[in-house]
């Protein structure tokens, strides 16, 4: 099975002033979605750029869905073994361009992310109930 992990660094090398956001875009939301993807997919901040193509992609997705839905889509992809390389090619399919490609991809991945969050909440609730018994 292929591994998609990269060496991560605790510092963030980019300065926001250098990025070209649309006048109508919520640049903070774009940055949060991008950073969440970098973190969840264990990308290297030094080798992963928020360039014009990714900015435009995230901005477009934010015109269709709330930020939380995009964050859940990233979570859904991160939780998928198939997208992490457990597939017939042994390749990772975790690019933000795939996750936010279109409505079908955003909705499919965000549904998976929502299911994952529900499972985590159920387990945490069960653990709390067990601890108080």
Protein backbone atom coordinates (compact mmCIF):
# COMPACT_ATOMS: atom_id res chain seq x y z
CA UNK A 1 0.00 0.00 0.00
CA UNK A 2 1.27 3.47 -0.86
CA UNK A 3 1.82 6.00 1.85
CA UNK A 4 0.68 9.59 1.45
CA UNK A 5 2.45 11.01 4.46
CA UNK A 6 4.86 13.88 4.14
CA UNK A 7 7.24 15.40 6.64
CA UNK A 8 5.27 18.12 8.37
CA UNK A 9 6.72 21.19 10.01
CA UNK A 10 5.16 23.18 12.84
CA UNK A 11 5.87 26.53 11.18
CA UNK A 12 3.87 28.02 8.33
CA UNK A 13 6.18 29.60 5.73
CA UNK A 14 3.70 31.68 3.71
CA UNK A 15 2.71 35.27 4.27
CA UNK A 16 -0.89 36.09 3.39
CA UNK A 17 0.02 39.44 1.87
CA UNK A 18 1.55 37.68 -1.11
CA UNK A 19 -1.62 35.88 -2.19
CA UNK A 20 -4.10 37.30 -4.68
CA UNK A 21 -7.62 36.81 -3.34
CA UNK A 22 -10.75 37.99 -5.15
CA UNK A 23 -12.18 41.23 -3.82
CA UNK A 24 -15.41 39.44 -2.83
CA UNK A 25 -13.70 36.40 -1.30
CA UNK A 26 -13.38 35.66 2.38
CA UNK A 27 -9.61 35.25 2.37
CA UNK A 28 -9.63 33.98 5.96
CA UNK A 29 -12.03 31.16 4.99
CA UNK A 30 -9.88 30.27 1.98
CA UNK A 31 -6.83 30.12 4.19
CA UNK A 32 -8.61 28.03 6.85
CA UNK A 33 -9.80 25.48 4.26
CA UNK A 34 -6.33 25.29 2.71
CA UNK A 35 -4.56 24.91 6.08
CA UNK A 36 -7.09 22.26 7.15
CA UNK A 37 -6.36 20.28 3.98
CA UNK A 38 -2.59 20.59 4.52
CA UNK A 39 -2.94 19.41 8.13
CA UNK A 40 -5.47 16.60 7.60
CA UNK A 41 -3.67 15.13 4.61
CA UNK A 42 -0.27 15.51 6.29
CA UNK A 43 1.13 17.66 3.50
CA UNK A 44 4.40 19.52 3.91
CA UNK A 45 3.73 23.24 4.41
CA UNK A 46 7.11 24.00 2.83
CA UNK A 47 6.26 22.10 -0.36
CA UNK A 48 2.56 22.85 -0.62
CA UNK A 49 1.64 26.23 -2.10
CA UNK A 50 -1.59 28.17 -1.98
CA UNK A 51 -1.29 29.51 -5.50
CA UNK A 52 -3.82 31.23 -7.77
CA UNK A 53 -5.35 27.95 -9.00
CA UNK A 54 -6.03 26.66 -5.49
CA UNK A 55 -7.28 30.04 -4.31
CA UNK A 56 -9.76 30.20 -7.21
CA UNK A 57 -10.88 26.62 -6.55
CA UNK A 58 -11.53 27.22 -2.85
CA UNK A 59 -13.21 30.58 -3.54
CA UNK A 60 -15.54 28.94 -6.08
CA UNK A 61 -16.42 26.16 -3.63
CA UNK A 62 -17.16 28.77 -0.94
CA UNK A 63 -19.71 30.40 -3.26
CA UNK A 64 -21.62 27.09 -3.30
CA UNK A 65 -21.16 25.75 0.23
CA UNK A 66 -20.43 27.03 3.73
CA UNK A 67 -16.89 26.71 5.00
CA UNK A 68 -17.87 23.91 7.40
CA UNK A 69 -19.02 21.74 4.49
CA UNK A 70 -15.64 22.14 2.79
CA UNK A 71 -13.85 21.26 6.03
CA UNK A 72 -16.01 18.13 6.32
CA UNK A 73 -15.18 17.24 2.70
CA UNK A 74 -11.48 17.35 3.56
CA UNK A 75 -12.15 15.16 6.61
CA UNK A 76 -14.08 12.70 4.46
CA UNK A 77 -11.21 12.33 2.01
CA UNK A 78 -8.69 12.03 4.84
CA UNK A 79 -10.71 9.14 6.31
CA UNK A 80 -10.91 7.21 3.03
CA UNK A 81 -8.47 4.31 2.82
CA UNK A 82 -9.08 4.08 -0.93
CA UNK A 83 -8.08 7.71 -1.45
CA UNK A 84 -5.05 7.15 0.81
CA UNK A 85 -3.67 4.51 -1.54
CA UNK A 86 -5.52 1.28 -0.66
CA UNK A 87 -6.69 0.91 -4.26
CA UNK A 88 -5.72 -1.20 -7.27
CA UNK A 89 -3.03 1.30 -8.33
CA UNK A 90 -1.64 1.92 -4.88
CA UNK A 91 -1.84 5.66 -5.54
CA UNK A 92 -3.10 8.48 -3.36
CA UNK A 93 -5.97 10.61 -4.55
CA UNK A 94 -6.07 13.37 -1.95
CA UNK A 95 -5.49 16.60 -3.87
CA UNK A 96 -7.65 19.52 -2.89
CA UNK A 97 -8.40 19.82 -6.61
CA UNK A 98 -10.14 16.43 -6.44
CA UNK A 99 -11.98 17.09 -3.17
CA UNK A 100 -13.39 20.43 -4.36
CA UNK A 101 -13.59 19.59 -8.09
CA UNK A 102 -17.37 19.93 -8.36
CA UNK A 103 -20.61 19.58 -6.42
CA UNK A 104 -20.63 15.79 -6.65
CA UNK A 105 -17.15 15.46 -5.14
CA UNK A 106 -17.77 18.08 -2.43
CA UNK A 107 -21.04 16.45 -1.42
CA UNK A 108 -19.67 12.88 -1.50
CA UNK A 109 -16.64 13.76 0.61
CA UNK A 110 -18.58 16.00 3.01
CA UNK A 111 -21.15 13.22 3.55
CA UNK A 112 -18.28 10.88 4.45
CA UNK A 113 -16.84 13.55 6.75
CA UNK A 114 -20.21 14.03 8.45
CA UNK A 115 -20.53 10.26 9.01
CA UNK A 116 -17.03 10.20 10.48
CA UNK A 117 -17.83 13.05 12.86
CA UNK A 118 -21.03 11.29 13.95
CA UNK A 119 -19.06 8.11 14.68
CA UNK A 120 -16.52 10.05 16.73
CA UNK A 121 -19.28 11.80 18.70
CA UNK A 122 -21.00 8.47 19.37
CA UNK A 123 -17.76 6.90 20.59
CA UNK A 124 -16.98 9.89 22.80
CA UNK A 125 -20.51 9.77 24.23
CA UNK A 126 -20.18 6.05 24.87
CA UNK A 127 -16.79 6.53 26.51
CA UNK A 128 -18.19 9.28 28.77
CA UNK A 129 -21.18 7.12 29.72
CA UNK A 130 -18.92 4.17 30.49
CA UNK A 131 -16.58 6.33 32.57
CA UNK A 132 -19.45 7.63 34.74
CA UNK A 133 -20.89 4.16 35.40
